[in-house]
Amino acid sequence: MYKIKTYIYIYMEQQDEVQVQMEIVLSKFKNKKQSNYDYYNKKKNSDEFKIKNRLNAKLYYTKNKEYINIKNLYNYYLKNDKLNIFKERHKDKYNILFF
């Protein structure tokens, strides 16, 4: 009977240690996540980042304007279930997208 009580006591102590370790890991994770969230929002709301981001968006659009228009046209035909018509009317654009 005494051995069983000691084993139970040891088991309970180990469970307490595991619980404490889990709490430490969870608190570290929450702190890291919160710090990343704060850093991202601070950076996102800065004027310098907004200007740089808009410039990159304009550059991307000017480089890929034709491809973006082709994708939009393809999505229009796809949405209306008329892909065969797209393939017939715009063979060159279809080839750009898929080949």
N, C-alpha and C. Protein backbone atom coordinates (compact mmCIF):
# COMPACT_ATOMS: atom_id res chain seq x y z
N MET A 1 0.82 -1.18 0.00
CA MET A 1 0.00 0.00 0.00
C MET A 1 0.87 1.25 0.00
N TYR A 2 1.94 1.22 0.74
CA TYR A 2 2.83 2.37 0.82
C TYR A 2 3.47 2.66 -0.53
N LYS A 3 3.88 1.59 -1.28
CA LYS A 3 4.50 1.76 -2.59
C LYS A 3 3.53 2.43 -3.56
N ILE A 4 2.30 2.05 -3.51
CA ILE A 4 1.29 2.62 -4.41
C ILE A 4 1.13 4.11 -4.14
N LYS A 5 1.08 4.48 -2.86
CA LYS A 5 0.94 5.89 -2.52
C LYS A 5 2.14 6.71 -2.99
N THR A 6 3.33 6.14 -2.85
CA THR A 6 4.51 6.88 -3.30
C THR A 6 4.52 7.03 -4.82
N TYR A 7 4.12 5.98 -5.53
CA TYR A 7 4.05 6.06 -6.99
C TYR A 7 3.03 7.11 -7.43
N ILE A 8 1.92 7.12 -6.75
CA ILE A 8 0.89 8.11 -7.07
C ILE A 8 1.42 9.51 -6.78
N TYR A 9 2.11 9.67 -5.68
CA TYR A 9 2.67 10.97 -5.32
C TYR A 9 3.70 11.42 -6.36
N ILE A 10 4.58 10.50 -6.78
CA ILE A 10 5.59 10.82 -7.79
C ILE A 10 4.92 11.19 -9.11
N TYR A 11 3.90 10.43 -9.47
CA TYR A 11 3.16 10.70 -10.70
C TYR A 11 2.52 12.09 -10.65
N MET A 12 1.94 12.43 -9.53
CA MET A 12 1.29 13.73 -9.37
C MET A 12 2.31 14.86 -9.47
N GLU A 13 3.49 14.67 -8.89
CA GLU A 13 4.54 15.68 -8.98
C GLU A 13 4.99 15.87 -10.42
N GLN A 14 5.12 14.77 -11.14
CA GLN A 14 5.52 14.86 -12.54
C GLN A 14 4.45 15.60 -13.36
N GLN A 15 3.21 15.34 -13.08
CA GLN A 15 2.13 16.02 -13.78
C GLN A 15 2.16 17.52 -13.51
N ASP A 16 2.47 17.89 -12.28
CA ASP A 16 2.57 19.30 -11.94
C ASP A 16 3.72 19.96 -12.71
N GLU A 17 4.85 19.28 -12.82
CA GLU A 17 5.98 19.81 -13.57
C GLU A 17 5.64 19.97 -15.05
N VAL A 18 4.94 18.97 -15.58
CA VAL A 18 4.54 19.05 -16.98
C VAL A 18 3.59 20.22 -17.20
N GLN A 19 2.69 20.41 -16.27
CA GLN A 19 1.73 21.53 -16.37
C GLN A 19 2.47 22.87 -16.33
N VAL A 20 3.44 22.99 -15.46
CA VAL A 20 4.22 24.23 -15.36
C VAL A 20 4.99 24.47 -16.66
N GLN A 21 5.60 23.44 -17.20
CA GLN A 21 6.34 23.57 -18.44
C GLN A 21 5.42 23.97 -19.60
N MET A 22 4.24 23.39 -19.63
CA MET A 22 3.28 23.75 -20.67
C MET A 22 2.87 25.21 -20.56
N GLU A 23 2.67 25.68 -19.35
CA GLU A 23 2.30 27.08 -19.15
C GLU A 23 3.41 28.01 -19.59
N ILE A 24 4.66 27.63 -19.33
CA ILE A 24 5.81 28.44 -19.74
C ILE A 24 5.87 28.52 -21.27
N VAL A 25 5.72 27.38 -21.91
CA VAL A 25 5.78 27.34 -23.38
C VAL A 25 4.64 28.17 -23.97
N LEU A 26 3.44 28.03 -23.43
CA LEU A 26 2.31 28.80 -23.94
C LEU A 26 2.49 30.30 -23.72
N SER A 27 3.01 30.68 -22.58
CA SER A 27 3.22 32.10 -22.33
C SER A 27 4.28 32.67 -23.28
N LYS A 28 5.35 31.91 -23.55
CA LYS A 28 6.37 32.35 -24.51
C LYS A 28 5.77 32.50 -25.91
N PHE A 29 4.94 31.55 -26.28
CA PHE A 29 4.30 31.60 -27.59
C PHE A 29 3.40 32.83 -27.71
N LYS A 30 2.60 33.08 -26.68
CA LYS A 30 1.70 34.24 -26.71
C LYS A 30 2.49 35.55 -26.76
N ASN A 31 3.57 35.64 -26.00
CA ASN A 31 4.40 36.85 -26.02
C ASN A 31 5.04 37.07 -27.38
N LYS A 32 5.53 36.01 -27.98
CA LYS A 32 6.15 36.11 -29.30
C LYS A 32 5.12 36.54 -30.35
N LYS A 33 3.96 35.93 -30.29
CA LYS A 33 2.91 36.27 -31.23
C LYS A 33 2.47 37.72 -31.07
N GLN A 34 2.34 38.18 -29.85
CA GLN A 34 1.95 39.56 -29.59
C GLN A 34 3.02 40.54 -30.07
N SER A 35 4.28 40.21 -29.85
CA SER A 35 5.35 41.11 -30.29
C SER A 35 5.41 41.17 -31.81
N ASN A 36 5.21 40.04 -32.49
CA ASN A 36 5.17 40.05 -33.96
C ASN A 36 4.00 40.88 -34.47
N TYR A 37 2.85 40.75 -33.82
CA TYR A 37 1.66 41.50 -34.20
C TYR A 37 1.90 42.99 -34.03
N ASP A 38 2.49 43.38 -32.90
CA ASP A 38 2.78 44.80 -32.65
C ASP A 38 3.77 45.35 -33.67
N TYR A 39 4.82 44.58 -33.97
CA TYR A 39 5.84 45.01 -34.93
C TYR A 39 5.21 45.20 -36.30
N TYR A 40 4.38 44.25 -36.73
CA TYR A 40 3.76 44.33 -38.05
C TYR A 40 2.85 45.54 -38.14
N ASN A 41 2.02 45.77 -37.14
CA ASN A 41 1.10 46.90 -37.18
C ASN A 41 1.83 48.23 -37.13
N LYS A 42 2.91 48.29 -36.37
CA LYS A 42 3.70 49.52 -36.31
C LYS A 42 4.32 49.81 -37.67
N LYS A 43 4.84 48.77 -38.31
CA LYS A 43 5.46 48.94 -39.62
C LYS A 43 4.41 49.26 -40.69
N LYS A 44 3.29 48.57 -40.62
CA LYS A 44 2.24 48.72 -41.63
C LYS A 44 1.66 50.12 -41.63
N ASN A 45 1.57 50.74 -40.49
CA ASN A 45 0.94 52.06 -40.38
C ASN A 45 1.90 53.21 -40.62
N SER A 46 3.17 52.93 -40.86
CA SER A 46 4.13 54.01 -41.09
C SER A 46 3.96 54.55 -42.52
N ASP A 47 4.19 55.84 -42.67
CA ASP A 47 4.03 56.49 -43.98
C ASP A 47 5.07 56.00 -44.98
N GLU A 48 6.28 55.75 -44.49
CA GLU A 48 7.35 55.27 -45.37
C GLU A 48 6.98 53.93 -46.00
N PHE A 49 6.43 53.03 -45.20
CA PHE A 49 6.04 51.72 -45.72
C PHE A 49 4.90 51.84 -46.73
N LYS A 50 3.94 52.71 -46.46
CA LYS A 50 2.80 52.88 -47.37
C LYS A 50 3.26 53.40 -48.73
N ILE A 51 4.15 54.37 -48.72
CA ILE A 51 4.66 54.93 -49.98
C ILE A 51 5.44 53.87 -50.76
N LYS A 52 6.28 53.14 -50.07
CA LYS A 52 7.08 52.09 -50.71
C LYS A 52 6.18 50.99 -51.26
N ASN A 53 5.17 50.62 -50.52
CA ASN A 53 4.26 49.56 -50.95
C ASN A 53 3.46 49.99 -52.18
N ARG A 54 2.99 51.24 -52.20
CA ARG A 54 2.26 51.74 -53.37
C ARG A 54 3.14 51.77 -54.60
N LEU A 55 4.38 52.18 -54.42
CA LEU A 55 5.32 52.22 -55.54
C LEU A 55 5.55 50.81 -56.10
N ASN A 56 5.74 49.84 -55.20
CA ASN A 56 5.92 48.46 -55.65
C ASN A 56 4.69 47.94 -56.38
N ALA A 57 3.50 48.31 -55.91
CA ALA A 57 2.26 47.86 -56.56
C ALA A 57 2.15 48.46 -57.95
N LYS A 58 2.49 49.74 -58.11
CA LYS A 58 2.44 50.37 -59.43
C LYS A 58 3.44 49.72 -60.39
N LEU A 59 4.65 49.46 -59.89
CA LEU A 59 5.65 48.82 -60.73
C LEU A 59 5.20 47.44 -61.17
N TYR A 60 4.63 46.67 -60.24
CA TYR A 60 4.15 45.32 -60.58
C TYR A 60 3.05 45.40 -61.63
N TYR A 61 2.13 46.36 -61.46
CA TYR A 61 1.03 46.47 -62.40
C TYR A 61 1.51 46.86 -63.79
N THR A 62 2.44 47.81 -63.86
CA THR A 62 2.93 48.23 -65.17
C THR A 62 3.71 47.11 -65.86
N LYS A 63 4.43 46.31 -65.10
CA LYS A 63 5.17 45.19 -65.70
C LYS A 63 4.22 44.10 -66.20
N ASN A 64 3.17 43.83 -65.43
CA ASN A 64 2.31 42.68 -65.71
C ASN A 64 0.91 43.06 -66.15
N LYS A 65 0.77 44.24 -66.75
CA LYS A 65 -0.55 44.74 -67.12
C LYS A 65 -1.24 43.81 -68.11
N GLU A 66 -0.50 43.38 -69.14
CA GLU A 66 -1.09 42.50 -70.15
C GLU A 66 -1.52 41.17 -69.54
N TYR A 67 -0.65 40.60 -68.72
CA TYR A 67 -0.96 39.30 -68.10
C TYR A 67 -2.17 39.41 -67.17
N ILE A 68 -2.26 40.50 -66.42
CA ILE A 68 -3.39 40.69 -65.51
C ILE A 68 -4.69 40.81 -66.29
N ASN A 69 -4.65 41.55 -67.41
CA ASN A 69 -5.86 41.68 -68.23
C ASN A 69 -6.27 40.34 -68.83
N ILE A 70 -5.30 39.54 -69.24
CA ILE A 70 -5.61 38.22 -69.79
C ILE A 70 -6.24 37.34 -68.73
N LYS A 71 -5.70 37.38 -67.51
CA LYS A 71 -6.27 36.58 -66.42
C LYS A 71 -7.70 37.01 -66.10
N ASN A 72 -7.95 38.32 -66.11
CA ASN A 72 -9.30 38.81 -65.85
C ASN A 72 -10.28 38.35 -66.93
N LEU A 73 -9.83 38.40 -68.18
CA LEU A 73 -10.67 37.94 -69.28
C LEU A 73 -10.95 36.45 -69.16
N TYR A 74 -9.92 35.68 -68.81
CA TYR A 74 -10.11 34.23 -68.62
C TYR A 74 -11.09 33.95 -67.48
N ASN A 75 -10.95 34.68 -66.38
CA ASN A 75 -11.87 34.46 -65.25
C ASN A 75 -13.30 34.83 -65.60
N TYR A 76 -13.48 35.84 -66.46
CA TYR A 76 -14.83 36.19 -66.91
C TYR A 76 -15.45 35.02 -67.67
N TYR A 77 -14.71 34.47 -68.62
CA TYR A 77 -15.22 33.33 -69.39
C TYR A 77 -15.42 32.11 -68.52
N LEU A 78 -14.55 31.92 -67.55
CA LEU A 78 -14.66 30.78 -66.64
C LEU A 78 -15.92 30.90 -65.78
N LYS A 79 -16.17 32.09 -65.28
CA LYS A 79 -17.34 32.31 -64.43
C LYS A 79 -18.64 32.07 -65.19
N ASN A 80 -18.66 32.39 -66.47
CA ASN A 80 -19.87 32.23 -67.28
C ASN A 80 -19.91 30.90 -68.03
N ASP A 81 -19.01 29.99 -67.69
CA ASP A 81 -18.95 28.65 -68.32
C ASP A 81 -18.83 28.73 -69.84
N LYS A 82 -17.94 29.58 -70.31
CA LYS A 82 -17.74 29.75 -71.75
C LYS A 82 -16.26 29.62 -72.11
N LEU A 83 -15.60 28.65 -71.52
CA LEU A 83 -14.16 28.49 -71.78
C LEU A 83 -13.87 28.13 -73.22
N ASN A 84 -14.75 27.38 -73.85
CA ASN A 84 -14.53 27.03 -75.25
C ASN A 84 -14.51 28.27 -76.14
N ILE A 85 -15.39 29.21 -75.84
CA ILE A 85 -15.41 30.45 -76.61
C ILE A 85 -14.12 31.23 -76.39
N PHE A 86 -13.62 31.24 -75.16
CA PHE A 86 -12.35 31.91 -74.87
C PHE A 86 -11.22 31.28 -75.66
N LYS A 87 -11.21 29.95 -75.71
CA LYS A 87 -10.14 29.26 -76.45
C LYS A 87 -10.21 29.57 -77.94
N GLU A 88 -11.41 29.70 -78.49
CA GLU A 88 -11.56 29.97 -79.93
C GLU A 88 -11.22 31.43 -80.26
N ARG A 89 -11.74 32.35 -79.48
CA ARG A 89 -11.58 33.77 -79.79
C ARG A 89 -10.19 34.30 -79.44
N HIS A 90 -9.62 33.77 -78.38
CA HIS A 90 -8.36 34.32 -77.86
C HIS A 90 -7.31 33.22 -77.73
N LYS A 91 -6.95 32.62 -78.85
CA LYS A 91 -5.98 31.52 -78.82
C LYS A 91 -4.62 31.98 -78.30
N ASP A 92 -4.20 33.15 -78.76
CA ASP A 92 -2.89 33.64 -78.32
C ASP A 92 -2.87 33.92 -76.82
N LYS A 93 -3.94 34.48 -76.30
CA LYS A 93 -4.01 34.77 -74.86
C LYS A 93 -4.09 33.47 -74.05
N TYR A 94 -4.82 32.49 -74.58
CA TYR A 94 -4.89 31.19 -73.92
C TYR A 94 -3.51 30.55 -73.86
N ASN A 95 -2.77 30.67 -74.94
CA ASN A 95 -1.41 30.11 -74.96
C ASN A 95 -0.48 30.81 -73.99
N ILE A 96 -0.66 32.12 -73.82
CA ILE A 96 0.16 32.85 -72.85
C ILE A 96 -0.12 32.34 -71.43
N LEU A 97 -1.39 32.09 -71.14
CA LEU A 97 -1.75 31.65 -69.79
C LEU A 97 -1.25 30.24 -69.49
N PHE A 98 -1.38 29.34 -70.42
CA PHE A 98 -1.17 27.93 -70.11
C PHE A 98 0.04 27.30 -70.76
N PHE A 99 0.78 28.03 -71.57
CA PHE A 99 1.95 27.43 -72.20
C PHE A 99 3.16 28.30 -72.09
